[in-house]
Amino acid sequence: MLSIAHMYGVTVHFADLPGTLRGKYEATSNRIYLRRNLSNAQRISALAHELVHAQRNDHGPQSPEVEAHVNELAARLIITAQAFAEAETANGSDPLDLANALDVTPGIITSWQDHEVRCH
């Protein structure tokens, strides 16, 4: 993920973020801020989500619809179709089991599954 950030000229910083916010993209400075002390799964998932915001050049808070779309794109950025299929074969379709197998958050798994339902 950091190599993708570098490709886009985005720098990644760890910070104390307000509330339960795990990540934040600042378009004006082309920086991503991630909450300190995230688990690896949370860090990967939040970074992918914020990278999609960077790719889209989003400014400020987005609508729930945009956030849902960004989550789906983030899921696709992290997980290949083959990796998902292998994890599903080995672990079943429960989002928590798949998240543990793929080292992402359950929300990323749900976004992947939602995209699959809508597009196939």
N, C-alpha and C. Protein backbone atom coordinates (compact mmCIF):
# COMPACT_ATOMS: atom_id res chain seq x y z
N MET A 1 0.82 -1.20 0.00
CA MET A 1 0.00 0.00 0.00
C MET A 1 0.86 1.26 0.00
N LEU A 2 1.97 1.22 0.73
CA LEU A 2 2.82 2.41 0.77
C LEU A 2 3.42 2.72 -0.59
N SER A 3 3.69 1.68 -1.39
CA SER A 3 4.22 1.94 -2.73
C SER A 3 3.16 2.61 -3.61
N ILE A 4 1.91 2.27 -3.41
CA ILE A 4 0.83 2.94 -4.16
C ILE A 4 0.74 4.40 -3.72
N ALA A 5 0.83 4.64 -2.43
CA ALA A 5 0.82 6.02 -1.94
C ALA A 5 1.97 6.80 -2.56
N HIS A 6 3.14 6.20 -2.61
CA HIS A 6 4.31 6.86 -3.21
C HIS A 6 4.06 7.19 -4.68
N MET A 7 3.44 6.25 -5.41
CA MET A 7 3.13 6.49 -6.83
C MET A 7 2.27 7.72 -7.02
N TYR A 8 1.36 7.96 -6.10
CA TYR A 8 0.46 9.11 -6.18
C TYR A 8 1.03 10.36 -5.52
N GLY A 9 2.26 10.25 -5.00
CA GLY A 9 2.86 11.39 -4.34
C GLY A 9 2.22 11.71 -3.01
N VAL A 10 1.57 10.73 -2.42
CA VAL A 10 0.89 10.90 -1.13
C VAL A 10 1.83 10.45 -0.02
N THR A 11 1.94 11.25 1.01
CA THR A 11 2.72 10.83 2.17
C THR A 11 1.77 10.33 3.26
N VAL A 12 2.25 9.35 4.00
CA VAL A 12 1.43 8.73 5.04
C VAL A 12 2.04 9.06 6.40
N HIS A 13 1.21 9.51 7.31
CA HIS A 13 1.64 9.91 8.65
C HIS A 13 0.74 9.25 9.68
N PHE A 14 1.31 8.99 10.84
CA PHE A 14 0.53 8.45 11.95
C PHE A 14 0.26 9.58 12.93
N ALA A 15 -0.97 9.66 13.40
CA ALA A 15 -1.38 10.79 14.23
C ALA A 15 -2.47 10.37 15.21
N ASP A 16 -2.71 11.23 16.17
CA ASP A 16 -3.84 11.06 17.08
C ASP A 16 -5.05 11.70 16.41
N LEU A 17 -5.95 10.88 15.90
CA LEU A 17 -7.12 11.38 15.19
C LEU A 17 -8.31 11.47 16.14
N PRO A 18 -9.24 12.36 15.86
CA PRO A 18 -10.39 12.54 16.76
C PRO A 18 -11.37 11.37 16.71
N GLY A 19 -12.05 11.16 17.82
CA GLY A 19 -13.11 10.16 17.87
C GLY A 19 -12.63 8.78 17.49
N THR A 20 -13.43 8.13 16.65
CA THR A 20 -13.09 6.77 16.20
C THR A 20 -12.50 6.77 14.79
N LEU A 21 -12.18 7.93 14.29
CA LEU A 21 -11.62 8.06 12.94
C LEU A 21 -10.33 7.25 12.82
N ARG A 22 -10.28 6.37 11.83
CA ARG A 22 -9.08 5.55 11.62
C ARG A 22 -8.13 6.17 10.61
N GLY A 23 -8.67 6.97 9.70
CA GLY A 23 -7.82 7.58 8.69
C GLY A 23 -8.46 8.83 8.13
N LYS A 24 -7.61 9.64 7.50
CA LYS A 24 -8.10 10.89 6.93
C LYS A 24 -7.17 11.29 5.79
N TYR A 25 -7.76 11.69 4.66
CA TYR A 25 -6.98 12.19 3.53
C TYR A 25 -7.14 13.69 3.46
N GLU A 26 -6.03 14.40 3.40
CA GLU A 26 -6.05 15.85 3.22
C GLU A 26 -5.57 16.17 1.82
N ALA A 27 -6.51 16.56 0.97
CA ALA A 27 -6.19 16.83 -0.43
C ALA A 27 -5.25 18.02 -0.58
N THR A 28 -5.40 19.03 0.27
CA THR A 28 -4.58 20.24 0.13
C THR A 28 -3.10 19.97 0.34
N SER A 29 -2.77 19.01 1.19
CA SER A 29 -1.37 18.67 1.45
C SER A 29 -0.96 17.33 0.85
N ASN A 30 -1.93 16.62 0.24
CA ASN A 30 -1.71 15.29 -0.33
C ASN A 30 -1.12 14.34 0.72
N ARG A 31 -1.74 14.35 1.89
CA ARG A 31 -1.31 13.51 3.00
C ARG A 31 -2.44 12.63 3.49
N ILE A 32 -2.05 11.45 3.91
CA ILE A 32 -2.96 10.54 4.59
C ILE A 32 -2.50 10.44 6.03
N TYR A 33 -3.45 10.61 6.93
CA TYR A 33 -3.18 10.44 8.36
C TYR A 33 -3.89 9.17 8.82
N LEU A 34 -3.16 8.31 9.50
CA LEU A 34 -3.72 7.09 10.08
C LEU A 34 -3.61 7.17 11.59
N ARG A 35 -4.63 6.68 12.26
CA ARG A 35 -4.63 6.64 13.73
C ARG A 35 -3.46 5.77 14.20
N ARG A 36 -2.82 6.24 15.22
CA ARG A 36 -1.76 5.45 15.85
C ARG A 36 -2.36 4.19 16.47
N ASN A 37 -1.58 3.15 16.59
CA ASN A 37 -1.93 1.91 17.30
C ASN A 37 -3.08 1.13 16.67
N LEU A 38 -3.26 1.25 15.36
CA LEU A 38 -4.23 0.40 14.68
C LEU A 38 -3.64 -1.00 14.55
N SER A 39 -4.51 -1.99 14.50
CA SER A 39 -4.04 -3.34 14.18
C SER A 39 -3.58 -3.35 12.72
N ASN A 40 -2.87 -4.38 12.33
CA ASN A 40 -2.42 -4.47 10.94
C ASN A 40 -3.61 -4.46 9.99
N ALA A 41 -4.65 -5.21 10.31
CA ALA A 41 -5.84 -5.25 9.45
C ALA A 41 -6.50 -3.88 9.34
N GLN A 42 -6.60 -3.18 10.46
CA GLN A 42 -7.19 -1.84 10.44
C GLN A 42 -6.33 -0.86 9.65
N ARG A 43 -5.02 -0.96 9.82
CA ARG A 43 -4.09 -0.07 9.11
C ARG A 43 -4.17 -0.28 7.60
N ILE A 44 -4.13 -1.52 7.17
CA ILE A 44 -4.20 -1.83 5.73
C ILE A 44 -5.53 -1.35 5.16
N SER A 45 -6.61 -1.64 5.86
CA SER A 45 -7.94 -1.27 5.37
C SER A 45 -8.12 0.23 5.32
N ALA A 46 -7.69 0.93 6.37
CA ALA A 46 -7.82 2.39 6.40
C ALA A 46 -6.94 3.04 5.34
N LEU A 47 -5.72 2.54 5.17
CA LEU A 47 -4.83 3.11 4.17
C LEU A 47 -5.41 2.93 2.77
N ALA A 48 -5.93 1.75 2.47
CA ALA A 48 -6.54 1.52 1.15
C ALA A 48 -7.72 2.47 0.93
N HIS A 49 -8.54 2.63 1.94
CA HIS A 49 -9.70 3.53 1.85
C HIS A 49 -9.24 4.96 1.56
N GLU A 50 -8.26 5.42 2.30
CA GLU A 50 -7.79 6.80 2.11
C GLU A 50 -7.05 6.96 0.78
N LEU A 51 -6.38 5.91 0.31
CA LEU A 51 -5.74 5.98 -1.01
C LEU A 51 -6.77 6.15 -2.12
N VAL A 52 -7.91 5.52 -1.98
CA VAL A 52 -8.97 5.71 -2.97
C VAL A 52 -9.44 7.16 -2.95
N HIS A 53 -9.59 7.73 -1.76
CA HIS A 53 -9.94 9.16 -1.69
C HIS A 53 -8.87 9.99 -2.40
N ALA A 54 -7.61 9.64 -2.21
CA ALA A 54 -6.52 10.37 -2.87
C ALA A 54 -6.61 10.23 -4.38
N GLN A 55 -6.86 9.02 -4.87
CA GLN A 55 -7.00 8.79 -6.31
C GLN A 55 -8.14 9.61 -6.89
N ARG A 56 -9.20 9.74 -6.12
CA ARG A 56 -10.37 10.49 -6.58
C ARG A 56 -10.22 11.99 -6.36
N ASN A 57 -9.18 12.38 -5.61
CA ASN A 57 -8.95 13.78 -5.23
C ASN A 57 -10.14 14.35 -4.47
N ASP A 58 -10.67 13.55 -3.55
CA ASP A 58 -11.80 13.98 -2.73
C ASP A 58 -11.36 15.05 -1.74
N HIS A 59 -12.22 16.01 -1.53
CA HIS A 59 -11.97 17.08 -0.57
C HIS A 59 -13.04 17.03 0.51
N GLY A 60 -12.63 16.88 1.76
CA GLY A 60 -13.58 16.94 2.87
C GLY A 60 -14.47 15.71 2.98
N PRO A 61 -15.41 15.78 3.91
CA PRO A 61 -16.33 14.66 4.13
C PRO A 61 -17.16 14.35 2.87
N GLN A 62 -17.45 13.08 2.70
CA GLN A 62 -18.20 12.62 1.53
C GLN A 62 -19.54 12.03 1.98
N SER A 63 -20.45 11.91 1.03
CA SER A 63 -21.77 11.35 1.32
C SER A 63 -21.64 9.86 1.64
N PRO A 64 -22.63 9.29 2.31
CA PRO A 64 -22.61 7.85 2.59
C PRO A 64 -22.48 7.02 1.31
N GLU A 65 -23.11 7.48 0.23
CA GLU A 65 -23.02 6.74 -1.04
C GLU A 65 -21.60 6.73 -1.57
N VAL A 66 -20.94 7.88 -1.51
CA VAL A 66 -19.54 7.95 -1.96
C VAL A 66 -18.66 7.09 -1.07
N GLU A 67 -18.87 7.15 0.24
CA GLU A 67 -18.07 6.34 1.16
C GLU A 67 -18.25 4.85 0.88
N ALA A 68 -19.47 4.42 0.58
CA ALA A 68 -19.72 3.01 0.26
C ALA A 68 -18.96 2.62 -1.01
N HIS A 69 -18.98 3.49 -2.01
CA HIS A 69 -18.25 3.23 -3.25
C HIS A 69 -16.75 3.18 -2.99
N VAL A 70 -16.25 4.11 -2.20
CA VAL A 70 -14.82 4.13 -1.84
C VAL A 70 -14.45 2.84 -1.12
N ASN A 71 -15.30 2.36 -0.23
CA ASN A 71 -15.02 1.10 0.47
C ASN A 71 -14.92 -0.07 -0.50
N GLU A 72 -15.80 -0.10 -1.50
CA GLU A 72 -15.74 -1.17 -2.49
C GLU A 72 -14.44 -1.10 -3.29
N LEU A 73 -14.05 0.10 -3.69
CA LEU A 73 -12.80 0.26 -4.44
C LEU A 73 -11.60 -0.11 -3.57
N ALA A 74 -11.65 0.24 -2.30
CA ALA A 74 -10.57 -0.12 -1.37
C ALA A 74 -10.47 -1.64 -1.24
N ALA A 75 -11.61 -2.31 -1.15
CA ALA A 75 -11.60 -3.77 -1.06
C ALA A 75 -10.93 -4.38 -2.28
N ARG A 76 -11.22 -3.84 -3.45
CA ARG A 76 -10.62 -4.33 -4.69
C ARG A 76 -9.13 -4.01 -4.77
N LEU A 77 -8.72 -2.94 -4.14
CA LEU A 77 -7.31 -2.57 -4.12
C LEU A 77 -6.51 -3.55 -3.27
N ILE A 78 -7.11 -4.03 -2.21
CA ILE A 78 -6.41 -4.91 -1.26
C ILE A 78 -6.48 -6.38 -1.66
N ILE A 79 -7.65 -6.83 -2.08
CA ILE A 79 -7.91 -8.27 -2.23
C ILE A 79 -8.11 -8.63 -3.70
N THR A 80 -7.34 -9.60 -4.17
CA THR A 80 -7.55 -10.10 -5.53
C THR A 80 -8.71 -11.09 -5.52
N ALA A 81 -9.29 -11.31 -6.68
CA ALA A 81 -10.39 -12.27 -6.79
C ALA A 81 -9.92 -13.67 -6.39
N GLN A 82 -8.70 -14.02 -6.78
CA GLN A 82 -8.16 -15.33 -6.44
C GLN A 82 -7.98 -15.49 -4.93
N ALA A 83 -7.43 -14.47 -4.29
CA ALA A 83 -7.23 -14.54 -2.83
C ALA A 83 -8.57 -14.66 -2.11
N PHE A 84 -9.56 -13.91 -2.58
CA PHE A 84 -10.88 -13.99 -1.94
C PHE A 84 -11.47 -15.38 -2.11
N ALA A 85 -11.40 -15.92 -3.32
CA ALA A 85 -11.95 -17.25 -3.59
C ALA A 85 -11.26 -18.31 -2.74
N GLU A 86 -9.95 -18.23 -2.63
CA GLU A 86 -9.21 -19.21 -1.82
C GLU A 86 -9.58 -19.10 -0.35
N ALA A 87 -9.70 -17.88 0.15
CA ALA A 87 -10.08 -17.68 1.55
C ALA A 87 -11.49 -18.18 1.80
N GLU A 88 -12.39 -17.94 0.85
CA GLU A 88 -13.77 -18.38 1.00
C GLU A 88 -13.87 -19.90 0.98
N THR A 89 -13.08 -20.54 0.13
CA THR A 89 -13.06 -22.01 0.08
C THR A 89 -12.56 -22.58 1.40
N ALA A 90 -11.54 -21.97 1.96
CA ALA A 90 -10.94 -22.47 3.19
C ALA A 90 -11.72 -22.09 4.45
N ASN A 91 -12.45 -20.95 4.41
CA ASN A 91 -13.03 -20.41 5.64
C ASN A 91 -14.54 -20.20 5.61
N GLY A 92 -15.18 -20.39 4.47
CA GLY A 92 -16.60 -20.10 4.35
C GLY A 92 -16.82 -18.63 4.04
N SER A 93 -18.07 -18.18 4.11
CA SER A 93 -18.40 -16.82 3.67
C SER A 93 -18.65 -15.83 4.80
N ASP A 94 -18.42 -16.24 6.04
CA ASP A 94 -18.61 -15.32 7.17
C ASP A 94 -17.59 -14.19 7.09
N PRO A 95 -18.04 -12.93 7.11
CA PRO A 95 -17.11 -11.80 6.97
C PRO A 95 -16.00 -11.77 8.02
N LEU A 96 -16.28 -12.15 9.25
CA LEU A 96 -15.25 -12.12 10.29
C LEU A 96 -14.17 -13.16 10.02
N ASP A 97 -14.58 -14.37 9.62
CA ASP A 97 -13.62 -15.42 9.30
C ASP A 97 -12.77 -15.03 8.09
N LEU A 98 -13.42 -14.47 7.07
CA LEU A 98 -12.68 -14.04 5.89
C LEU A 98 -11.74 -12.88 6.21
N ALA A 99 -12.19 -11.96 7.04
CA ALA A 99 -11.34 -10.82 7.43
C ALA A 99 -10.08 -11.31 8.14
N ASN A 100 -10.25 -12.27 9.05
CA ASN A 100 -9.09 -12.82 9.75
C ASN A 100 -8.15 -13.52 8.79
N ALA A 101 -8.69 -14.25 7.84
CA ALA A 101 -7.86 -14.98 6.88
C ALA A 101 -7.10 -14.04 5.95
N LEU A 102 -7.73 -12.92 5.59
CA LEU A 102 -7.13 -12.00 4.62
C LEU A 102 -6.46 -10.79 5.28
N ASP A 103 -6.49 -10.72 6.59
CA ASP A 103 -5.87 -9.64 7.37
C ASP A 103 -6.39 -8.26 6.97
N VAL A 104 -7.71 -8.16 6.89
CA VAL A 104 -8.40 -6.89 6.64
C VAL A 104 -9.54 -6.79 7.65
N THR A 105 -10.26 -5.68 7.63
CA THR A 105 -11.40 -5.53 8.53
C THR A 105 -12.63 -6.22 7.94
N PRO A 106 -13.58 -6.62 8.77
CA PRO A 106 -14.82 -7.19 8.26
C PRO A 106 -15.55 -6.24 7.31
N GLY A 107 -15.43 -4.94 7.53
CA GLY A 107 -16.07 -3.97 6.63
C GLY A 107 -15.55 -4.07 5.21
N ILE A 108 -14.27 -4.33 5.05
CA ILE A 108 -13.69 -4.51 3.71
C ILE A 108 -14.29 -5.75 3.06
N ILE A 109 -14.44 -6.81 3.83
CA ILE A 109 -15.05 -8.05 3.31
C ILE A 109 -16.49 -7.79 2.88
N THR A 110 -17.25 -7.12 3.72
CA THR A 110 -18.65 -6.81 3.39
C THR A 110 -18.74 -5.97 2.13
N SER A 111 -17.84 -5.02 1.98
CA SER A 111 -17.83 -4.19 0.77
C SER A 111 -17.52 -5.03 -0.46
N TRP A 112 -16.59 -5.97 -0.33
CA TRP A 112 -16.26 -6.88 -1.43
C TRP A 112 -17.51 -7.69 -1.80
N GLN A 113 -18.16 -8.27 -0.80
CA GLN A 113 -19.34 -9.09 -1.05
C GLN A 113 -20.48 -8.27 -1.64
N ASP A 114 -20.69 -7.06 -1.17
CA ASP A 114 -21.74 -6.19 -1.72
C ASP A 114 -21.49 -5.91 -3.19
N HIS A 115 -20.24 -5.65 -3.54
CA HIS A 115 -19.88 -5.39 -4.94
C HIS A 115 -20.17 -6.62 -5.80
N GLU A 116 -19.82 -7.79 -5.29
CA GLU A 116 -20.05 -9.02 -6.04
C GLU A 116 -21.54 -9.25 -6.29
N VAL A 117 -22.36 -9.02 -5.28
CA VAL A 117 -23.80 -9.21 -5.41
C VAL A 117 -24.37 -8.26 -6.46
N ARG A 118 -23.94 -7.02 -6.42
CA ARG A 118 -24.47 -6.00 -7.33
C ARG A 118 -23.98 -6.19 -8.77
N CYS A 119 -22.78 -6.70 -8.94
CA CYS A 119 -22.18 -6.75 -10.28
C CYS A 119 -22.27 -8.11 -10.96
N HIS A 120 -22.74 -9.13 -10.23
CA HIS A 120 -22.80 -10.46 -10.86
C HIS A 120 -24.15 -11.08 -10.74
